[in-house]
Amino acid sequence: MVTHVSAPLADRRADTGEFLIVCCGCKRLRVGPMEFVVMDPYELWDKRDSISHTLCPECAALHYGFSKKHYADIACRKS
C-alpha cells in the first residue's frame, strides 16, 4: 500500500529512539511492516543519523521475485 505522508510523521527525531526506515529501492518511508509512504527525502536530511534501510514489498518483488506472502512472512515474524 502506498500513501502520502503528512508533516507530523516527518517530525520524528533520533532522540525518541526510533529509526526512520527507508526503502533502498524506491526511497519510500516504512510506517508499518507492510506499509510504505511516499516522502520527499530532503525532509529527512537533518535526521540522517536515525535512518536505516530495507526493501518495500514492491521492490522486493521487482528485484528478488518475492511474493507478497513471502515478504509478509519475513517482515512480520517475531524475533
N, C-alpha and C. Protein backbone atom coordinates (compact mmCIF):
# COMPACT_ATOMS: atom_id res chain seq x y z
N MET A 1 0.85 -1.17 0.00
CA MET A 1 0.00 0.00 0.00
C MET A 1 0.89 1.24 0.00
N VAL A 2 0.60 2.17 -0.87
CA VAL A 2 1.37 3.41 -0.96
C VAL A 2 0.46 4.57 -0.63
N THR A 3 0.84 5.36 0.36
CA THR A 3 0.10 6.56 0.71
C THR A 3 1.09 7.71 0.83
N HIS A 4 0.58 8.89 0.94
CA HIS A 4 1.45 10.05 1.12
C HIS A 4 1.49 10.42 2.60
N VAL A 5 2.64 10.86 3.06
CA VAL A 5 2.85 11.13 4.47
C VAL A 5 2.50 12.58 4.81
N SER A 6 2.04 12.76 6.01
CA SER A 6 1.76 14.12 6.49
C SER A 6 2.96 14.63 7.29
N ALA A 7 3.00 15.90 7.55
CA ALA A 7 4.13 16.52 8.24
C ALA A 7 4.44 15.92 9.61
N PRO A 8 3.46 15.56 10.48
CA PRO A 8 3.82 15.04 11.80
C PRO A 8 4.73 13.81 11.76
N LEU A 9 4.55 12.94 10.77
CA LEU A 9 5.41 11.77 10.67
C LEU A 9 6.84 12.19 10.37
N ALA A 10 7.01 13.22 9.57
CA ALA A 10 8.35 13.70 9.21
C ALA A 10 9.06 14.35 10.39
N ASP A 11 8.35 14.67 11.45
CA ASP A 11 8.94 15.36 12.60
C ASP A 11 9.56 14.41 13.63
N ARG A 12 9.50 13.09 13.40
CA ARG A 12 10.13 12.16 14.35
C ARG A 12 11.63 12.39 14.38
N ARG A 13 12.22 12.32 15.54
CA ARG A 13 13.65 12.61 15.71
C ARG A 13 14.39 11.40 16.30
N ALA A 14 15.70 11.43 16.18
CA ALA A 14 16.54 10.33 16.68
C ALA A 14 16.43 10.18 18.19
N ASP A 15 16.19 11.26 18.93
CA ASP A 15 16.17 11.18 20.38
C ASP A 15 14.97 10.41 20.92
N THR A 16 14.02 10.03 20.06
CA THR A 16 12.90 9.21 20.50
C THR A 16 13.29 7.74 20.54
N GLY A 17 14.46 7.42 20.02
CA GLY A 17 14.89 6.02 19.97
C GLY A 17 14.35 5.29 18.77
N GLU A 18 13.67 5.96 17.87
CA GLU A 18 13.11 5.34 16.68
C GLU A 18 13.98 5.61 15.48
N PHE A 19 14.11 4.61 14.62
CA PHE A 19 14.77 4.80 13.34
C PHE A 19 13.72 5.05 12.28
N LEU A 20 14.01 5.92 11.34
CA LEU A 20 13.19 6.06 10.15
C LEU A 20 13.73 5.04 9.16
N ILE A 21 12.87 4.15 8.68
CA ILE A 21 13.29 3.09 7.78
C ILE A 21 12.83 3.45 6.37
N VAL A 22 13.77 3.49 5.44
CA VAL A 22 13.51 3.90 4.07
C VAL A 22 13.80 2.74 3.13
N CYS A 23 12.95 2.53 2.14
CA CYS A 23 13.20 1.51 1.13
C CYS A 23 14.40 1.95 0.29
N CYS A 24 15.39 1.07 0.17
CA CYS A 24 16.59 1.43 -0.59
C CYS A 24 16.35 1.36 -2.09
N GLY A 25 15.19 0.85 -2.51
CA GLY A 25 14.87 0.82 -3.93
C GLY A 25 14.13 2.05 -4.39
N CYS A 26 13.05 2.38 -3.70
CA CYS A 26 12.17 3.48 -4.16
C CYS A 26 12.18 4.69 -3.22
N LYS A 27 12.86 4.59 -2.08
CA LYS A 27 13.01 5.69 -1.11
C LYS A 27 11.73 6.04 -0.35
N ARG A 28 10.75 5.12 -0.33
CA ARG A 28 9.55 5.38 0.47
C ARG A 28 9.84 5.06 1.93
N LEU A 29 9.12 5.70 2.83
CA LEU A 29 9.30 5.56 4.27
C LEU A 29 8.39 4.46 4.81
N ARG A 30 8.96 3.55 5.64
CA ARG A 30 8.15 2.47 6.23
C ARG A 30 7.42 3.00 7.44
N VAL A 31 6.10 2.77 7.49
CA VAL A 31 5.29 3.17 8.64
C VAL A 31 4.65 1.95 9.31
N GLY A 32 4.83 0.79 8.73
CA GLY A 32 4.33 -0.47 9.28
C GLY A 32 5.04 -1.60 8.55
N PRO A 33 4.89 -2.84 9.02
CA PRO A 33 5.61 -3.95 8.40
C PRO A 33 5.35 -4.09 6.90
N MET A 34 4.15 -3.77 6.47
CA MET A 34 3.79 -3.92 5.06
C MET A 34 3.35 -2.60 4.44
N GLU A 35 3.57 -1.48 5.11
CA GLU A 35 3.08 -0.19 4.61
C GLU A 35 4.22 0.81 4.49
N PHE A 36 4.33 1.37 3.31
CA PHE A 36 5.34 2.38 3.00
C PHE A 36 4.65 3.60 2.42
N VAL A 37 5.19 4.78 2.71
CA VAL A 37 4.58 6.02 2.24
C VAL A 37 5.58 6.84 1.43
N VAL A 38 5.06 7.62 0.50
CA VAL A 38 5.89 8.49 -0.32
C VAL A 38 6.26 9.71 0.50
N MET A 39 7.55 10.06 0.45
CA MET A 39 8.01 11.21 1.20
C MET A 39 9.22 11.81 0.49
N ASP A 40 9.34 13.10 0.53
CA ASP A 40 10.48 13.78 -0.06
C ASP A 40 11.72 13.49 0.79
N PRO A 41 12.77 12.86 0.21
CA PRO A 41 13.94 12.51 1.02
C PRO A 41 14.63 13.71 1.65
N TYR A 42 14.50 14.90 1.07
CA TYR A 42 15.14 16.08 1.64
C TYR A 42 14.51 16.49 2.97
N GLU A 43 13.28 16.07 3.22
CA GLU A 43 12.66 16.36 4.51
C GLU A 43 13.34 15.58 5.63
N LEU A 44 14.04 14.50 5.29
CA LEU A 44 14.71 13.66 6.28
C LEU A 44 16.18 14.03 6.46
N TRP A 45 16.67 14.97 5.70
CA TRP A 45 18.11 15.24 5.68
C TRP A 45 18.68 15.51 7.08
N ASP A 46 18.01 16.30 7.91
CA ASP A 46 18.55 16.61 9.24
C ASP A 46 18.41 15.45 10.21
N LYS A 47 17.74 14.38 9.81
CA LYS A 47 17.54 13.21 10.66
C LYS A 47 18.39 12.04 10.17
N ARG A 48 19.44 12.29 9.39
CA ARG A 48 20.20 11.23 8.74
C ARG A 48 20.82 10.24 9.72
N ASP A 49 21.10 10.64 10.96
CA ASP A 49 21.67 9.71 11.93
C ASP A 49 20.66 8.68 12.42
N SER A 50 19.40 8.90 12.14
CA SER A 50 18.36 7.99 12.62
C SER A 50 17.67 7.24 11.48
N ILE A 51 18.32 7.12 10.34
CA ILE A 51 17.72 6.46 9.19
C ILE A 51 18.41 5.12 8.94
N SER A 52 17.61 4.10 8.64
CA SER A 52 18.12 2.81 8.21
C SER A 52 17.40 2.43 6.92
N HIS A 53 17.63 1.24 6.42
CA HIS A 53 17.04 0.87 5.13
C HIS A 53 16.49 -0.56 5.14
N THR A 54 15.65 -0.82 4.16
CA THR A 54 15.08 -2.14 3.91
C THR A 54 14.56 -2.11 2.47
N LEU A 55 13.80 -3.10 2.08
CA LEU A 55 13.10 -3.10 0.80
C LEU A 55 11.61 -3.15 1.08
N CYS A 56 10.83 -2.38 0.32
CA CYS A 56 9.37 -2.46 0.43
C CYS A 56 8.91 -3.71 -0.31
N PRO A 57 7.67 -4.14 -0.12
CA PRO A 57 7.19 -5.35 -0.79
C PRO A 57 7.28 -5.26 -2.32
N GLU A 58 7.00 -4.10 -2.88
CA GLU A 58 7.04 -3.95 -4.33
C GLU A 58 8.47 -4.07 -4.86
N CYS A 59 9.43 -3.45 -4.19
CA CYS A 59 10.84 -3.54 -4.63
C CYS A 59 11.39 -4.95 -4.40
N ALA A 60 10.99 -5.61 -3.32
CA ALA A 60 11.41 -6.99 -3.07
C ALA A 60 10.89 -7.91 -4.18
N ALA A 61 9.67 -7.67 -4.62
CA ALA A 61 9.11 -8.46 -5.72
C ALA A 61 9.84 -8.17 -7.03
N LEU A 62 10.08 -6.89 -7.29
CA LEU A 62 10.73 -6.48 -8.53
C LEU A 62 12.17 -6.99 -8.63
N HIS A 63 12.94 -6.83 -7.58
CA HIS A 63 14.37 -7.15 -7.62
C HIS A 63 14.71 -8.59 -7.24
N TYR A 64 13.88 -9.23 -6.40
CA TYR A 64 14.20 -10.56 -5.92
C TYR A 64 13.11 -11.59 -6.15
N GLY A 65 12.00 -11.19 -6.74
CA GLY A 65 10.93 -12.13 -7.04
C GLY A 65 10.13 -12.59 -5.84
N PHE A 66 10.19 -11.86 -4.72
CA PHE A 66 9.42 -12.23 -3.53
C PHE A 66 7.93 -12.03 -3.79
N SER A 67 7.13 -13.00 -3.37
CA SER A 67 5.68 -12.81 -3.38
C SER A 67 5.30 -11.98 -2.16
N LYS A 68 4.09 -11.43 -2.17
CA LYS A 68 3.62 -10.65 -1.01
C LYS A 68 3.61 -11.53 0.24
N LYS A 69 3.21 -12.81 0.08
CA LYS A 69 3.16 -13.71 1.22
C LYS A 69 4.56 -13.97 1.78
N HIS A 70 5.52 -14.23 0.91
CA HIS A 70 6.90 -14.46 1.36
C HIS A 70 7.43 -13.22 2.08
N TYR A 71 7.19 -12.04 1.51
CA TYR A 71 7.64 -10.80 2.15
C TYR A 71 6.98 -10.63 3.52
N ALA A 72 5.67 -10.88 3.59
CA ALA A 72 4.95 -10.75 4.86
C ALA A 72 5.48 -11.74 5.90
N ASP A 73 5.80 -12.97 5.47
CA ASP A 73 6.36 -13.95 6.40
C ASP A 73 7.66 -13.46 7.01
N ILE A 74 8.48 -12.80 6.20
CA ILE A 74 9.77 -12.29 6.67
C ILE A 74 9.58 -11.01 7.49
N ALA A 75 8.83 -10.05 6.95
CA ALA A 75 8.70 -8.73 7.58
C ALA A 75 7.87 -8.76 8.86
N CYS A 76 6.95 -9.68 8.98
CA CYS A 76 6.03 -9.67 10.12
C CYS A 76 6.37 -10.74 11.18
N ARG A 77 7.44 -11.47 11.00
CA ARG A 77 7.76 -12.50 12.00
C ARG A 77 8.31 -11.86 13.27
N LYS A 78 8.07 -12.51 14.35
CA LYS A 78 8.56 -12.05 15.65
C LYS A 78 9.93 -12.63 15.90
N SER A 79 10.85 -11.83 16.40
CA SER A 79 12.23 -12.30 16.68
C SER A 79 12.30 -13.01 18.00
